[in-house]
Amino acid sequence: MEMKKRINLELRNRAPEKVTELVLDNCRSSNGEIEGLNDSFKELEFLSMANVELTSLAKLPTLSKLRKLELSDNIISGGLEVLAERCPNLTYLNLSGNKIKDLGTVEALQNLKNLKSLDLFNCEITNLEDYRDSIFELLQQITYLDGFDQEDNEAPDSEDDDDEEGDEDDDDEDEDEAGPPGEYEEEDDEDDGGSDLGEGEEEEEVGLSYLMKEEIQDEDDDDDYVEEGGDEEEEAEGIRGEKRKRDPEDEGEEEDD
């Protein structure tokens, strides 16, 4: 697809001045130059034109709010001074996979005062001796070259940073809503402790009442046993008394005989 048609497609019925991001990767440039992009894209902050067979940046419009520019895998070999003139606020520039061969070509980027990250990976210039030291010395405003700083620390991902900040804000809000940590846990512990004590007292009361009932029942059983025993003794005495009465009578009858 031609670049001009791709731009119209990416607009999605929006006015150019409302667009802040524009991705034109893998479309076809016109004779190696930019087409369809003009000064009306004044709010544009991110522009990607990777692998579009660009050889020149001469037709790049003025984009004063542009922060990130992706130009990887093209055929650009020079003319980088246009970037400082048309996009003075660039902070990130990707020129990896182009035809940049020497430090003189890169020197034009010195006027990009806000530039922090530059990618020249897979360009012939990376084969120069002391390539990294030379670039950092030439472009003292940059912090990261090919994704790493001078101490070989990797550049952070801006999207990850935004996500982490968002997560931290959410955590702070959750903590504010939940109140100071530990407050409710202590109350719960107190409630649990009180309920445990109440259950223990109830168990003790049930146990005592049960024992008292057992003792009372035992006493009643003893009384019944005593009463039954007394009745048996009375019956035995009555029987013995009757025998005593009968014995003299039996003796008298024998004497009469």
Protein backbone atom coordinates (compact mmCIF):
# COMPACT_ATOMS: atom_id res chain seq x y z
CA MET A 1 0.00 0.00 0.00
CA GLU A 2 1.21 3.50 -0.83
CA MET A 3 2.07 5.78 2.08
CA LYS A 4 -0.55 8.36 1.17
CA LYS A 5 -3.36 5.78 1.16
CA ARG A 6 -2.07 4.28 4.41
CA ILE A 7 -2.21 7.68 6.11
CA ASN A 8 -5.83 8.17 5.04
CA LEU A 9 -6.64 4.70 6.36
CA GLU A 10 -4.96 5.37 9.72
CA LEU A 11 -6.85 8.63 10.19
CA ARG A 12 -10.14 6.71 10.61
CA ASN A 13 -12.22 9.80 9.79
CA ARG A 14 -10.28 11.91 12.28
CA ALA A 15 -8.88 15.31 11.49
CA PRO A 16 -5.05 15.30 11.23
CA GLU A 17 -4.74 17.81 14.08
CA LYS A 18 -6.48 15.30 16.42
CA VAL A 19 -3.96 12.52 15.81
CA THR A 20 -1.19 11.96 18.39
CA GLU A 21 0.13 8.57 17.16
CA LEU A 22 0.64 7.39 13.60
CA VAL A 23 2.03 4.02 12.46
CA LEU A 24 2.90 3.65 8.75
CA ASP A 25 5.17 0.58 8.93
CA ASN A 26 5.66 -1.60 5.83
CA CYS A 27 3.90 0.68 3.38
CA ARG A 28 5.62 2.04 0.21
CA SER A 29 7.16 5.49 0.05
CA SER A 30 7.15 7.51 -3.15
CA ASN A 31 10.62 7.39 -4.71
CA GLY A 32 12.14 6.95 -1.26
CA GLU A 33 10.52 10.13 0.11
CA ILE A 34 7.70 10.89 2.56
CA GLU A 35 4.30 11.69 1.05
CA GLY A 36 0.87 12.48 2.48
CA LEU A 37 2.31 13.78 5.76
CA ASN A 38 2.05 17.55 6.31
CA ASP A 39 2.14 20.30 8.92
CA SER A 40 -1.52 19.72 9.86
CA PHE A 41 -0.39 16.81 12.08
CA LYS A 42 0.68 19.36 14.65
CA GLU A 43 -0.32 17.24 17.69
CA LEU A 44 1.63 14.19 16.60
CA GLU A 45 3.85 12.76 19.39
CA PHE A 46 4.72 9.33 18.01
CA LEU A 47 5.48 8.51 14.36
CA SER A 48 6.63 5.14 13.02
CA MET A 49 7.80 4.65 9.42
CA ALA A 50 9.71 1.37 9.67
CA ASN A 51 10.54 -0.56 6.50
CA VAL A 52 9.02 1.89 4.02
CA GLU A 53 12.10 2.16 1.75
CA LEU A 54 12.88 5.72 2.76
CA THR A 55 16.11 7.17 1.40
CA SER A 56 15.51 10.81 2.35
CA LEU A 57 13.91 12.86 5.13
CA ALA A 58 13.74 16.04 3.05
CA LYS A 59 9.91 16.03 2.93
CA LEU A 60 9.42 15.47 6.64
CA PRO A 61 6.95 18.15 7.83
CA THR A 62 7.39 20.32 10.91
CA LEU A 63 6.20 18.27 13.91
CA SER A 64 7.09 20.36 16.93
CA LYS A 65 5.40 18.01 19.47
CA LEU A 66 6.95 14.82 18.12
CA ARG A 67 8.78 12.88 20.86
CA LYS A 68 9.41 9.44 19.32
CA LEU A 69 10.42 8.70 15.73
CA GLU A 70 10.84 5.17 14.36
CA LEU A 71 12.81 4.99 11.08
CA SER A 72 14.30 1.50 11.32
CA ASP A 73 14.99 -0.76 8.32
CA ASN A 74 15.09 1.94 5.67
CA ILE A 75 17.83 3.12 3.27
CA ILE A 76 18.71 6.42 4.96
CA SER A 77 22.38 7.36 4.65
CA GLY A 78 22.40 11.06 5.56
CA GLY A 79 20.43 14.31 5.73
CA LEU A 80 19.80 13.95 9.47
CA GLU A 81 20.09 17.72 10.05
CA VAL A 82 16.43 17.96 8.97
CA LEU A 83 15.41 16.28 12.23
CA ALA A 84 16.68 19.12 14.40
CA GLU A 85 14.95 21.69 12.17
CA ARG A 86 11.54 19.97 11.90
CA CYS A 87 11.33 17.88 15.11
CA PRO A 88 13.30 19.82 17.75
CA ASN A 89 11.74 18.03 20.74
CA LEU A 90 12.64 14.45 19.84
CA THR A 91 13.64 12.31 22.85
CA TYR A 92 13.83 8.92 21.08
CA LEU A 93 15.16 8.18 17.59
CA ASN A 94 15.50 4.74 16.00
CA LEU A 95 17.74 4.59 12.92
CA SER A 96 18.68 0.92 13.22
CA GLY A 97 19.06 -1.05 10.01
CA ASN A 98 19.87 1.98 7.81
CA LYS A 99 22.94 2.89 5.74
CA ILE A 100 24.67 5.13 8.27
CA LYS A 101 28.43 4.53 8.04
CA ASP A 102 30.40 7.27 9.81
CA LEU A 103 30.43 9.64 12.76
CA GLY A 104 30.11 12.68 10.47
CA THR A 105 26.57 11.63 9.55
CA VAL A 106 25.56 11.27 13.19
CA GLU A 107 27.14 14.59 14.15
CA ALA A 108 24.07 16.39 12.77
CA LEU A 109 22.09 15.02 15.75
CA GLN A 110 23.98 17.25 18.18
CA ASN A 111 21.30 19.92 17.72
CA LEU A 112 18.61 17.59 19.09
CA LYS A 113 19.07 18.89 22.62
CA ASN A 114 16.31 16.74 24.16
CA LEU A 115 17.44 13.46 22.60
CA LYS A 116 17.90 10.77 25.28
CA SER A 117 17.84 7.49 23.35
CA LEU A 118 19.39 6.66 19.95
CA ASP A 119 19.38 3.32 18.13
CA LEU A 120 21.94 2.63 15.38
CA PHE A 121 21.89 -1.15 15.67
CA ASN A 122 22.65 -3.00 12.40
CA CYS A 123 24.12 0.12 10.80
CA GLU A 124 27.64 -0.03 9.40
CA ILE A 125 28.77 2.62 11.87
CA THR A 126 28.57 0.04 14.68
CA ASN A 127 31.63 -1.70 13.18
CA LEU A 128 33.88 1.27 13.99
CA GLU A 129 36.48 0.84 16.71
CA ASP A 130 35.32 2.33 20.01
CA TYR A 131 31.94 2.93 18.43
CA ARG A 132 30.01 3.33 21.66
CA ASP A 133 32.54 5.59 23.38
CA SER A 134 32.75 7.75 20.27
CA ILE A 135 28.97 8.20 20.04
CA PHE A 136 28.59 9.03 23.73
CA GLU A 137 31.39 11.58 23.41
CA LEU A 138 29.91 13.10 20.24
CA LEU A 139 26.28 13.20 21.48
CA GLN A 140 26.63 14.03 25.14
CA GLN A 141 22.92 14.69 25.58
CA ILE A 142 21.94 11.04 25.04
CA THR A 143 21.62 8.53 27.89
CA TYR A 144 21.02 5.31 25.96
CA LEU A 145 22.66 3.98 22.79
CA ASP A 146 21.19 0.83 21.23
CA GLY A 147 19.17 0.24 24.40
CA PHE A 148 22.00 0.57 26.97
CA ASP A 149 23.70 3.39 28.84
CA GLN A 150 27.48 3.84 29.22
CA GLU A 151 27.55 1.38 32.16
CA ASP A 152 25.65 -1.21 30.08
CA ASN A 153 22.44 -0.76 32.04
CA GLU A 154 19.40 -1.53 29.93
CA ALA A 155 16.97 1.25 29.11
CA PRO A 156 13.62 0.93 30.90
CA ASP A 157 10.48 0.29 28.92
CA SER A 158 8.34 3.41 29.11
CA GLU A 159 5.13 1.36 28.97
CA ASP A 160 6.26 -0.83 31.88
CA ASP A 161 7.10 2.29 33.90
CA ASP A 162 3.64 3.67 33.29
CA ASP A 163 2.06 0.35 34.33
CA GLU A 164 4.12 0.21 37.52
CA GLU A 165 3.19 3.76 38.45
CA GLY A 166 -0.44 2.92 37.81
CA ASP A 167 -0.19 -0.20 40.02
CA GLU A 168 1.41 1.80 42.82
CA ASP A 169 -1.37 4.37 42.66
CA ASP A 170 -3.97 1.59 42.82
CA ASP A 171 -2.21 0.03 45.81
CA ASP A 172 -2.17 3.38 47.60
CA GLU A 173 -5.88 3.85 46.98
CA ASP A 174 -6.63 0.35 48.26
CA GLU A 175 -4.64 1.01 51.42
CA ASP A 176 -6.47 4.30 52.00
CA GLU A 177 -9.84 2.63 51.62
CA ALA A 178 -8.90 -0.32 53.77
CA GLY A 179 -7.51 1.82 56.61
CA PRO A 180 -4.32 1.27 58.61
CA PRO A 181 -3.09 -2.32 58.37
CA GLY A 182 -3.64 -4.49 61.42
CA GLU A 183 -6.49 -2.46 62.87
CA TYR A 184 -9.25 -4.83 61.86
CA GLU A 185 -7.14 -7.91 62.53
CA GLU A 186 -6.75 -6.91 66.17
CA GLU A 187 -10.48 -6.36 66.51
CA ASP A 188 -11.17 -9.74 64.96
CA ASP A 189 -8.71 -11.36 67.38
CA GLU A 190 -10.46 -9.70 70.32
CA ASP A 191 -13.85 -10.87 69.08
CA ASP A 192 -12.54 -14.40 68.61
CA GLY A 193 -11.01 -14.36 72.08
CA GLY A 194 -14.28 -13.20 73.64
CA SER A 195 -16.26 -15.86 71.85
CA ASP A 196 -13.78 -18.52 72.95
CA LEU A 197 -14.10 -17.42 76.57
CA GLY A 198 -17.89 -17.45 76.34
CA GLU A 199 -17.89 -20.95 74.92
CA GLY A 200 -15.53 -22.11 77.66
CA GLU A 201 -17.77 -20.68 80.41
CA GLU A 202 -20.83 -22.27 78.87
CA GLU A 203 -19.05 -25.62 78.72
CA GLU A 204 -18.02 -25.30 82.38
CA GLU A 205 -21.60 -24.45 83.41
CA VAL A 206 -22.97 -27.40 81.47
CA GLY A 207 -20.40 -29.68 83.06
CA LEU A 208 -21.19 -28.51 86.60
CA SER A 209 -24.93 -28.83 86.15
CA TYR A 210 -24.47 -32.31 84.76
CA LEU A 211 -22.34 -33.37 87.71
CA MET A 212 -24.83 -31.89 90.18
CA LYS A 213 -27.66 -33.79 88.53
CA GLU A 214 -25.61 -36.99 88.72
CA GLU A 215 -24.94 -36.47 92.43
CA ILE A 216 -28.60 -35.78 93.16
CA GLN A 217 -29.65 -38.88 91.24
CA ASP A 218 -27.08 -40.98 93.15
CA GLU A 219 -28.44 -39.70 96.47
CA ASP A 220 -31.98 -40.56 95.40
CA ASP A 221 -30.86 -44.04 94.41
CA ASP A 222 -29.18 -44.48 97.83
CA ASP A 223 -32.36 -43.40 99.61
CA ASP A 224 -34.43 -45.84 97.60
CA TYR A 225 -31.98 -48.59 98.45
CA VAL A 226 -32.14 -47.78 102.14
CA GLU A 227 -35.94 -47.70 102.09
CA GLU A 228 -36.12 -51.00 100.23
CA GLY A 229 -33.62 -52.53 102.65
CA GLY A 230 -35.70 -51.36 105.63
CA ASP A 231 -38.85 -52.92 104.22
CA GLU A 232 -37.09 -56.22 103.73
CA GLU A 233 -35.82 -56.18 107.31
CA GLU A 234 -39.32 -55.43 108.61
CA GLU A 235 -40.76 -58.28 106.58
CA ALA A 236 -38.05 -60.63 107.90
CA GLU A 237 -38.75 -59.61 111.50
CA GLY A 238 -42.49 -60.18 110.97
CA ILE A 239 -41.84 -63.64 109.64
CA ARG A 240 -39.57 -64.47 112.55
CA GLY A 241 -42.23 -63.20 114.99
CA GLU A 242 -44.88 -65.40 113.41
CA LYS A 243 -42.55 -68.37 113.69
CA ARG A 244 -42.03 -67.64 117.37
CA LYS A 245 -45.79 -67.56 117.94
CA ARG A 246 -46.30 -70.76 116.05
CA ASP A 247 -43.51 -72.65 117.79
CA PRO A 248 -45.11 -72.52 121.30
CA GLU A 249 -48.43 -73.53 119.83
CA ASP A 250 -46.82 -76.45 118.08
CA GLU A 251 -45.17 -77.51 121.37
CA GLY A 252 -48.51 -77.36 123.23
CA GLU A 253 -50.17 -79.56 120.68
CA GLU A 254 -47.42 -82.13 121.05
CA GLU A 255 -47.82 -82.15 124.85
CA ASP A 256 -51.56 -82.74 124.52
CA ASP A 257 -50.90 -85.73 122.36
